[in-house]
Amino acid sequence: MKFIIFLAGAAVGFVLGSRSGRKTYDTIKRQVSGFTHSEPVQQVKGAAGDLASKAASELGDRVSDAVDKASGKLDDLTGKSTS
């Protein structure tokens, strides 16, 4: 039953998409492209990239510290020396 509903939805979408045509598609594509390449959006993308980079760096530092700490504890438990 779900498959039939899916096929009906796909058929309706195809018919409506065919009727709107290439011109409407090109118009929508041009508007989206203009929006995504606008200065405010580019600023947000840059800020998000900087934030992600900083967060990844901090996470890497935390993981490294945790590995060092765990390695030290493991060495203490096994009686191995790090020198």
C-alpha atoms as a PDB file:
ATOM      1  CA  MET A   1       0.000   0.000   0.000  1.00  0.00           C
ATOM      2  CA  LYS A   2       2.801   2.415   0.886  1.00  0.00           C
ATOM      3  CA  PHE A   3       4.484   1.642  -2.411  1.00  0.00           C
ATOM      4  CA  ILE A   4       1.326   2.561  -4.336  1.00  0.00           C
ATOM      5  CA  ILE A   5       1.071   5.856  -2.448  1.00  0.00           C
ATOM      6  CA  PHE A   6       4.733   6.525  -3.228  1.00  0.00           C
ATOM      7  CA  LEU A   7       4.209   5.815  -6.929  1.00  0.00           C
ATOM      8  CA  ALA A   8       1.149   8.081  -7.009  1.00  0.00           C
ATOM      9  CA  GLY A   9       3.123  10.889  -5.363  1.00  0.00           C
ATOM     10  CA  ALA A  10       6.002  10.407  -7.782  1.00  0.00           C
ATOM     11  CA  ALA A  11       3.601  10.511 -10.736  1.00  0.00           C
ATOM     12  CA  VAL A  12       1.940  13.721  -9.494  1.00  0.00           C
ATOM     13  CA  GLY A  13       5.358  15.291  -8.921  1.00  0.00           C
ATOM     14  CA  PHE A  14       6.479  14.289 -12.383  1.00  0.00           C
ATOM     15  CA  VAL A  15       3.380  15.741 -14.042  1.00  0.00           C
ATOM     16  CA  LEU A  16       3.584  18.996 -12.105  1.00  0.00           C
ATOM     17  CA  GLY A  17       7.319  19.243 -12.740  1.00  0.00           C
ATOM     18  CA  SER A  18       6.821  18.634 -16.452  1.00  0.00           C
ATOM     19  CA  ARG A  19       4.184  21.335 -16.665  1.00  0.00           C
ATOM     20  CA  SER A  20       6.313  23.945 -14.948  1.00  0.00           C
ATOM     21  CA  GLY A  21       9.044  23.294 -17.468  1.00  0.00           C
ATOM     22  CA  ARG A  22      12.673  24.167 -17.834  1.00  0.00           C
ATOM     23  CA  LYS A  23      12.134  27.937 -17.615  1.00  0.00           C
ATOM     24  CA  THR A  24      10.730  27.712 -14.087  1.00  0.00           C
ATOM     25  CA  TYR A  25      13.513  25.339 -13.084  1.00  0.00           C
ATOM     26  CA  ASP A  26      16.142  27.745 -14.394  1.00  0.00           C
ATOM     27  CA  THR A  27      14.486  30.647 -12.565  1.00  0.00           C
ATOM     28  CA  ILE A  28      14.451  28.765  -9.265  1.00  0.00           C
ATOM     29  CA  LYS A  29      18.040  27.622  -9.773  1.00  0.00           C
ATOM     30  CA  ARG A  30      19.179  31.201 -10.481  1.00  0.00           C
ATOM     31  CA  GLN A  31      17.403  32.504  -7.356  1.00  0.00           C
ATOM     32  CA  VAL A  32      18.915  29.818  -5.139  1.00  0.00           C
ATOM     33  CA  SER A  33      22.356  30.437  -6.603  1.00  0.00           C
ATOM     34  CA  GLY A  34      21.998  34.182  -6.014  1.00  0.00           C
ATOM     35  CA  PHE A  35      21.020  33.541  -2.416  1.00  0.00           C
ATOM     36  CA  THR A  36      23.806  31.084  -1.672  1.00  0.00           C
ATOM     37  CA  HIS A  37      26.435  33.370  -3.199  1.00  0.00           C
ATOM     38  CA  SER A  38      25.223  36.498  -1.386  1.00  0.00           C
ATOM     39  CA  GLU A  39      27.565  38.265   1.033  1.00  0.00           C
ATOM     40  CA  PRO A  40      25.592  37.523   4.245  1.00  0.00           C
ATOM     41  CA  VAL A  41      25.407  33.813   3.449  1.00  0.00           C
ATOM     42  CA  GLN A  42      29.130  33.727   2.648  1.00  0.00           C
ATOM     43  CA  GLN A  43      29.881  35.425   5.978  1.00  0.00           C
ATOM     44  CA  VAL A  44      27.813  32.845   7.863  1.00  0.00           C
ATOM     45  CA  LYS A  45      29.532  30.020   5.977  1.00  0.00           C
ATOM     46  CA  GLY A  46      32.929  31.460   6.899  1.00  0.00           C
ATOM     47  CA  ALA A  47      31.982  31.881  10.549  1.00  0.00           C
ATOM     48  CA  ALA A  48      30.591  28.344  10.692  1.00  0.00           C
ATOM     49  CA  GLY A  49      33.772  26.976   9.115  1.00  0.00           C
ATOM     50  CA  ASP A  50      35.937  28.853  11.618  1.00  0.00           C
ATOM     51  CA  LEU A  51      33.827  27.595  14.513  1.00  0.00           C
ATOM     52  CA  ALA A  52      33.988  24.012  13.249  1.00  0.00           C
ATOM     53  CA  SER A  53      37.752  24.250  12.823  1.00  0.00           C
ATOM     54  CA  LYS A  54      38.210  25.602  16.346  1.00  0.00           C
ATOM     55  CA  ALA A  55      35.919  22.939  17.814  1.00  0.00           C
ATOM     56  CA  ALA A  56      37.768  20.170  15.951  1.00  0.00           C
ATOM     57  CA  SER A  57      41.107  21.479  17.217  1.00  0.00           C
ATOM     58  CA  GLU A  58      39.885  21.618  20.807  1.00  0.00           C
ATOM     59  CA  LEU A  59      38.388  18.151  20.519  1.00  0.00           C
ATOM     60  CA  GLY A  60      41.674  16.829  19.163  1.00  0.00           C
ATOM     61  CA  ASP A  61      43.515  18.339  22.118  1.00  0.00           C
ATOM     62  CA  ARG A  62      41.073  16.763  24.576  1.00  0.00           C
ATOM     63  CA  VAL A  63      41.357  13.354  22.940  1.00  0.00           C
ATOM     64  CA  SER A  64      45.147  13.576  22.963  1.00  0.00           C
ATOM     65  CA  ASP A  65      45.134  14.481  26.659  1.00  0.00           C
ATOM     66  CA  ALA A  66      42.763  11.607  27.438  1.00  0.00           C
ATOM     67  CA  VAL A  67      44.948   9.141  25.533  1.00  0.00           C
ATOM     68  CA  ASP A  68      48.056  10.353  27.364  1.00  0.00           C
ATOM     69  CA  LYS A  69      46.287  10.033  30.716  1.00  0.00           C
ATOM     70  CA  ALA A  70      44.972   6.554  29.899  1.00  0.00           C
ATOM     71  CA  SER A  71      48.390   5.483  28.653  1.00  0.00           C
ATOM     72  CA  GLY A  72      49.982   6.685  31.894  1.00  0.00           C
ATOM     73  CA  LYS A  73      47.462   4.789  33.994  1.00  0.00           C
ATOM     74  CA  LEU A  74      47.967   1.666  31.900  1.00  0.00           C
ATOM     75  CA  ASP A  75      51.721   1.943  32.334  1.00  0.00           C
ATOM     76  CA  ASP A  76      51.240   2.312  36.108  1.00  0.00           C
ATOM     77  CA  LEU A  77      49.026  -0.774  36.198  1.00  0.00           C
ATOM     78  CA  THR A  78      51.382  -2.895  34.125  1.00  0.00           C
ATOM     79  CA  GLY A  79      54.513  -1.585  35.828  1.00  0.00           C
ATOM     80  CA  LYS A  80      56.003  -0.241  32.615  1.00  0.00           C
ATOM     81  CA  SER A  81      58.083   2.901  32.656  1.00  0.00           C
ATOM     82  CA  THR A  82      57.642   5.638  30.027  1.00  0.00           C
ATOM     83  CA  SER A  83      61.389   6.477  30.036  1.00  0.00           C
END
